[in-house]
Amino acid sequence: MIISNLFQAFGAPIILAVVDGRKEWVFGSDRFPIFADLIGEKWEGPVPGVTSKL
């Protein structure tokens, strides 16, 4: 079975966070800030401390 059909998720990665005993599904790499908030962490981007050269 295709995992997106199994969990009704349309994105990668698919992360299951258990927060206070309840399951929270997070899918898509653009959802890392939401995932961090769920687990009580601060999202600082993929490479903290590095600024863009653009």
PDB file of N, CA and C in Angstrom:
ATOM      1  N   MET A   1       0.839  -1.179   0.000  1.00  0.00           N
ATOM      2  CA  MET A   1       0.000   0.000   0.000  1.00  0.00           C
ATOM      3  C   MET A   1       0.884   1.241   0.000  1.00  0.00           C
ATOM      4  N   ILE A   2       0.495   2.222  -0.751  1.00  0.00           N
ATOM      5  CA  ILE A   2       1.234   3.484  -0.788  1.00  0.00           C
ATOM      6  C   ILE A   2       1.006   4.223   0.514  1.00  0.00           C
ATOM      7  N   ILE A   3       2.087   4.712   1.114  1.00  0.00           N
ATOM      8  CA  ILE A   3       1.986   5.335   2.437  1.00  0.00           C
ATOM      9  C   ILE A   3       1.071   6.550   2.453  1.00  0.00           C
ATOM     10  N   SER A   4       1.022   7.312   1.353  1.00  0.00           N
ATOM     11  CA  SER A   4       0.130   8.476   1.332  1.00  0.00           C
ATOM     12  C   SER A   4      -1.338   8.050   1.394  1.00  0.00           C
ATOM     13  N   ASN A   5      -1.656   6.889   0.835  1.00  0.00           N
ATOM     14  CA  ASN A   5      -3.022   6.375   0.934  1.00  0.00           C
ATOM     15  C   ASN A   5      -3.301   5.862   2.338  1.00  0.00           C
ATOM     16  N   LEU A   6      -2.333   5.231   2.943  1.00  0.00           N
ATOM     17  CA  LEU A   6      -2.511   4.655   4.269  1.00  0.00           C
ATOM     18  C   LEU A   6      -2.771   5.730   5.317  1.00  0.00           C
ATOM     19  N   PHE A   7      -2.015   6.807   5.278  1.00  0.00           N
ATOM     20  CA  PHE A   7      -2.129   7.855   6.291  1.00  0.00           C
ATOM     21  C   PHE A   7      -2.822   9.109   5.788  1.00  0.00           C
ATOM     22  N   GLN A   8      -3.261   9.126   4.546  1.00  0.00           N
ATOM     23  CA  GLN A   8      -3.882  10.289   3.923  1.00  0.00           C
ATOM     24  C   GLN A   8      -2.987  11.516   4.042  1.00  0.00           C
ATOM     25  N   ALA A   9      -1.718  11.315   3.803  1.00  0.00           N
ATOM     26  CA  ALA A   9      -0.722  12.384   3.876  1.00  0.00           C
ATOM     27  C   ALA A   9      -0.172  12.626   2.474  1.00  0.00           C
ATOM     28  N   PHE A  10       0.006  13.869   2.138  1.00  0.00           N
ATOM     29  CA  PHE A  10       0.501  14.219   0.815  1.00  0.00           C
ATOM     30  C   PHE A  10       1.705  15.124   0.966  1.00  0.00           C
ATOM     31  N   GLY A  11       2.826  14.552   1.281  1.00  0.00           N
ATOM     32  CA  GLY A  11       4.061  15.291   1.450  1.00  0.00           C
ATOM     33  C   GLY A  11       5.099  14.378   2.077  1.00  0.00           C
ATOM     34  N   ALA A  12       6.307  14.833   2.071  1.00  0.00           N
ATOM     35  CA  ALA A  12       7.381  14.077   2.698  1.00  0.00           C
ATOM     36  C   ALA A  12       8.258  15.077   3.424  1.00  0.00           C
ATOM     37  N   PRO A  13       8.742  14.767   4.542  1.00  0.00           N
ATOM     38  CA  PRO A  13       8.570  13.521   5.288  1.00  0.00           C
ATOM     39  C   PRO A  13       7.218  13.476   6.003  1.00  0.00           C
ATOM     40  N   ILE A  14       6.858  12.269   6.437  1.00  0.00           N
ATOM     41  CA  ILE A  14       5.668  12.082   7.259  1.00  0.00           C
ATOM     42  C   ILE A  14       6.172  11.813   8.676  1.00  0.00           C
ATOM     43  N   ILE A  15       5.754  12.631   9.631  1.00  0.00           N
ATOM     44  CA  ILE A  15       6.225  12.532  11.015  1.00  0.00           C
ATOM     45  C   ILE A  15       5.025  12.314  11.918  1.00  0.00           C
ATOM     46  N   LEU A  16       5.125  11.347  12.818  1.00  0.00           N
ATOM     47  CA  LEU A  16       4.111  11.128  13.838  1.00  0.00           C
ATOM     48  C   LEU A  16       4.685  11.613  15.158  1.00  0.00           C
ATOM     49  N   ALA A  17       4.069  12.633  15.727  1.00  0.00           N
ATOM     50  CA  ALA A  17       4.480  13.140  17.031  1.00  0.00           C
ATOM     51  C   ALA A  17       3.399  12.765  18.036  1.00  0.00           C
ATOM     52  N   VAL A  18       3.786  12.165  19.148  1.00  0.00           N
ATOM     53  CA  VAL A  18       2.836  11.867  20.213  1.00  0.00           C
ATOM     54  C   VAL A  18       3.028  12.940  21.274  1.00  0.00           C
ATOM     55  N   VAL A  19       2.021  13.796  21.413  1.00  0.00           N
ATOM     56  CA  VAL A  19       2.090  14.943  22.315  1.00  0.00           C
ATOM     57  C   VAL A  19       0.986  14.797  23.356  1.00  0.00           C
ATOM     58  N   ASP A  20       1.392  14.702  24.608  1.00  0.00           N
ATOM     59  CA  ASP A  20       0.424  14.534  25.704  1.00  0.00           C
ATOM     60  C   ASP A  20      -0.523  13.375  25.453  1.00  0.00           C
ATOM     61  N   GLY A  21       0.021  12.293  24.908  1.00  0.00           N
ATOM     62  CA  GLY A  21      -0.763  11.092  24.678  1.00  0.00           C
ATOM     63  C   GLY A  21      -1.608  11.085  23.415  1.00  0.00           C
ATOM     64  N   ARG A  22      -1.599  12.166  22.644  1.00  0.00           N
ATOM     65  CA  ARG A  22      -2.387  12.168  21.406  1.00  0.00           C
ATOM     66  C   ARG A  22      -1.459  12.231  20.195  1.00  0.00           C
ATOM     67  N   LYS A  23      -1.897  11.585  19.134  1.00  0.00           N
ATOM     68  CA  LYS A  23      -1.092  11.513  17.913  1.00  0.00           C
ATOM     69  C   LYS A  23      -1.327  12.746  17.058  1.00  0.00           C
ATOM     70  N   GLU A  24      -0.239  13.340  16.611  1.00  0.00           N
ATOM     71  CA  GLU A  24      -0.291  14.483  15.709  1.00  0.00           C
ATOM     72  C   GLU A  24       0.534  14.142  14.474  1.00  0.00           C
ATOM     73  N   TRP A  25      -0.103  14.094  13.315  1.00  0.00           N
ATOM     74  CA  TRP A  25       0.590  13.812  12.066  1.00  0.00           C
ATOM     75  C   TRP A  25       1.031  15.124  11.434  1.00  0.00           C
ATOM     76  N   VAL A  26       2.281  15.184  11.041  1.00  0.00           N
ATOM     77  CA  VAL A  26       2.836  16.347  10.360  1.00  0.00           C
ATOM     78  C   VAL A  26       3.470  15.833   9.076  1.00  0.00           C
ATOM     79  N   PHE A  27       3.097  16.423   7.949  1.00  0.00           N
ATOM     80  CA  PHE A  27       3.697  15.954   6.705  1.00  0.00           C
ATOM     81  C   PHE A  27       4.074  17.128   5.827  1.00  0.00           C
ATOM     82  N   GLY A  28       5.233  17.004   5.206  1.00  0.00           N
ATOM     83  CA  GLY A  28       5.773  18.041   4.335  1.00  0.00           C
ATOM     84  C   GLY A  28       6.916  18.777   5.018  1.00  0.00           C
ATOM     85  N   SER A  29       7.977  18.993   4.274  1.00  0.00           N
ATOM     86  CA  SER A  29       9.160  19.638   4.861  1.00  0.00           C
ATOM     87  C   SER A  29       8.908  21.095   5.233  1.00  0.00           C
ATOM     88  N   ASP A  30       7.868  21.703   4.672  1.00  0.00           N
ATOM     89  CA  ASP A  30       7.548  23.077   5.041  1.00  0.00           C
ATOM     90  C   ASP A  30       6.816  23.162   6.375  1.00  0.00           C
ATOM     91  N   ARG A  31       6.570  22.023   7.013  1.00  0.00           N
ATOM     92  CA  ARG A  31       5.856  21.987   8.288  1.00  0.00           C
ATOM     93  C   ARG A  31       6.778  21.826   9.500  1.00  0.00           C
ATOM     94  N   PHE A  32       8.089  21.906   9.301  1.00  0.00           N
ATOM     95  CA  PHE A  32       9.008  21.770  10.431  1.00  0.00           C
ATOM     96  C   PHE A  32       8.758  22.802  11.529  1.00  0.00           C
ATOM     97  N   PRO A  33       8.427  24.059  11.210  1.00  0.00           N
ATOM     98  CA  PRO A  33       8.112  25.000  12.293  1.00  0.00           C
ATOM     99  C   PRO A  33       6.898  24.557  13.121  1.00  0.00           C
ATOM    100  N   ILE A  34       5.902  23.980  12.473  1.00  0.00           N
ATOM    101  CA  ILE A  34       4.723  23.483  13.183  1.00  0.00           C
ATOM    102  C   ILE A  34       5.107  22.297  14.058  1.00  0.00           C
ATOM    103  N   PHE A  35       5.909  21.386  13.514  1.00  0.00           N
ATOM    104  CA  PHE A  35       6.374  20.231  14.284  1.00  0.00           C
ATOM    105  C   PHE A  35       7.174  20.677  15.502  1.00  0.00           C
ATOM    106  N   ALA A  36       8.073  21.624  15.315  1.00  0.00           N
ATOM    107  CA  ALA A  36       8.878  22.127  16.430  1.00  0.00           C
ATOM    108  C   ALA A  36       7.986  22.706  17.523  1.00  0.00           C
ATOM    109  N   ASP A  37       6.976  23.463  17.132  1.00  0.00           N
ATOM    110  CA  ASP A  37       6.051  24.036  18.100  1.00  0.00           C
ATOM    111  C   ASP A  37       5.306  22.949  18.864  1.00  0.00           C
ATOM    112  N   LEU A  38       4.906  21.889  18.171  1.00  0.00           N
ATOM    113  CA  LEU A  38       4.198  20.778  18.820  1.00  0.00           C
ATOM    114  C   LEU A  38       5.028  20.143  19.935  1.00  0.00           C
ATOM    115  N   ILE A  39       6.340  20.021  19.701  1.00  0.00           N
ATOM    116  CA  ILE A  39       7.189  19.360  20.695  1.00  0.00           C
ATOM    117  C   ILE A  39       7.885  20.350  21.621  1.00  0.00           C
ATOM    118  N   GLY A  40       7.489  21.635  21.516  1.00  0.00           N
ATOM    119  CA  GLY A  40       8.023  22.635  22.434  1.00  0.00           C
ATOM    120  C   GLY A  40       9.420  23.115  22.118  1.00  0.00           C
ATOM    121  N   GLU A  41       9.800  23.051  20.866  1.00  0.00           N
ATOM    122  CA  GLU A  41      11.129  23.503  20.442  1.00  0.00           C
ATOM    123  C   GLU A  41      10.998  24.709  19.528  1.00  0.00           C
ATOM    124  N   LYS A  42      12.098  25.430  19.336  1.00  0.00           N
ATOM    125  CA  LYS A  42      12.135  26.565  18.426  1.00  0.00           C
ATOM    126  C   LYS A  42      12.779  26.116  17.117  1.00  0.00           C
ATOM    127  N   TRP A  43      12.117  26.386  15.997  1.00  0.00           N
ATOM    128  CA  TRP A  43      12.675  26.053  14.682  1.00  0.00           C
ATOM    129  C   TRP A  43      13.541  27.212  14.222  1.00  0.00           C
ATOM    130  N   GLU A  44      14.799  26.932  13.976  1.00  0.00           N
ATOM    131  CA  GLU A  44      15.741  27.961  13.546  1.00  0.00           C
ATOM    132  C   GLU A  44      16.203  27.755  12.116  1.00  0.00           C
ATOM    133  N   GLY A  45      15.484  26.937  11.377  1.00  0.00           N
ATOM    134  CA  GLY A  45      15.829  26.673   9.987  1.00  0.00           C
ATOM    135  C   GLY A  45      16.730  25.466   9.846  1.00  0.00           C
ATOM    136  N   PRO A  46      17.024  25.079   8.623  1.00  0.00           N
ATOM    137  CA  PRO A  46      17.811  23.875   8.386  1.00  0.00           C
ATOM    138  C   PRO A  46      19.274  23.998   8.812  1.00  0.00           C
ATOM    139  N   VAL A  47      19.807  25.212   8.798  1.00  0.00           N
ATOM    140  CA  VAL A  47      21.205  25.430   9.198  1.00  0.00           C
ATOM    141  C   VAL A  47      21.240  26.651  10.128  1.00  0.00           C
ATOM    142  N   PRO A  48      21.012  26.439  11.431  1.00  0.00           N
ATOM    143  CA  PRO A  48      20.964  27.566  12.365  1.00  0.00           C
ATOM    144  C   PRO A  48      22.272  28.365  12.363  1.00  0.00           C
ATOM    145  N   GLY A  49      22.142  29.665  12.453  1.00  0.00           N
ATOM    146  CA  GLY A  49      23.310  30.526  12.553  1.00  0.00           C
ATOM    147  C   GLY A  49      23.929  30.938  11.230  1.00  0.00           C
ATOM    148  N   VAL A  50      23.441  30.407  10.127  1.00  0.00           N
ATOM    149  CA  VAL A  50      23.990  30.747   8.813  1.00  0.00           C
ATOM    150  C   VAL A  50      22.991  31.656   8.105  1.00  0.00           C
ATOM    151  N   THR A  51      23.463  32.773   7.601  1.00  0.00           N
ATOM    152  CA  THR A  51      22.585  33.685   6.881  1.00  0.00           C
ATOM    153  C   THR A  51      22.755  33.491   5.373  1.00  0.00           C
ATOM    154  N   SER A  52      21.751  33.892   4.641  1.00  0.00           N
ATOM    155  CA  SER A  52      21.772  33.769   3.194  1.00  0.00           C
ATOM    156  C   SER A  52      22.815  34.696   2.582  1.00  0.00           C
ATOM    157  N   LYS A  53      23.411  34.261   1.495  1.00  0.00           N
ATOM    158  CA  LYS A  53      24.390  35.087   0.787  1.00  0.00           C
ATOM    159  C   LYS A  53      23.752  35.864  -0.351  1.00  0.00           C
ATOM    160  N   LEU A  54      22.444  35.756  -0.474  1.00  0.00           N
ATOM    161  CA  LEU A  54      21.752  36.466  -1.566  1.00  0.00           C
ATOM    162  C   LEU A  54      21.543  37.915  -1.227  1.00  0.00           C
TER     163      LEU A  54
END
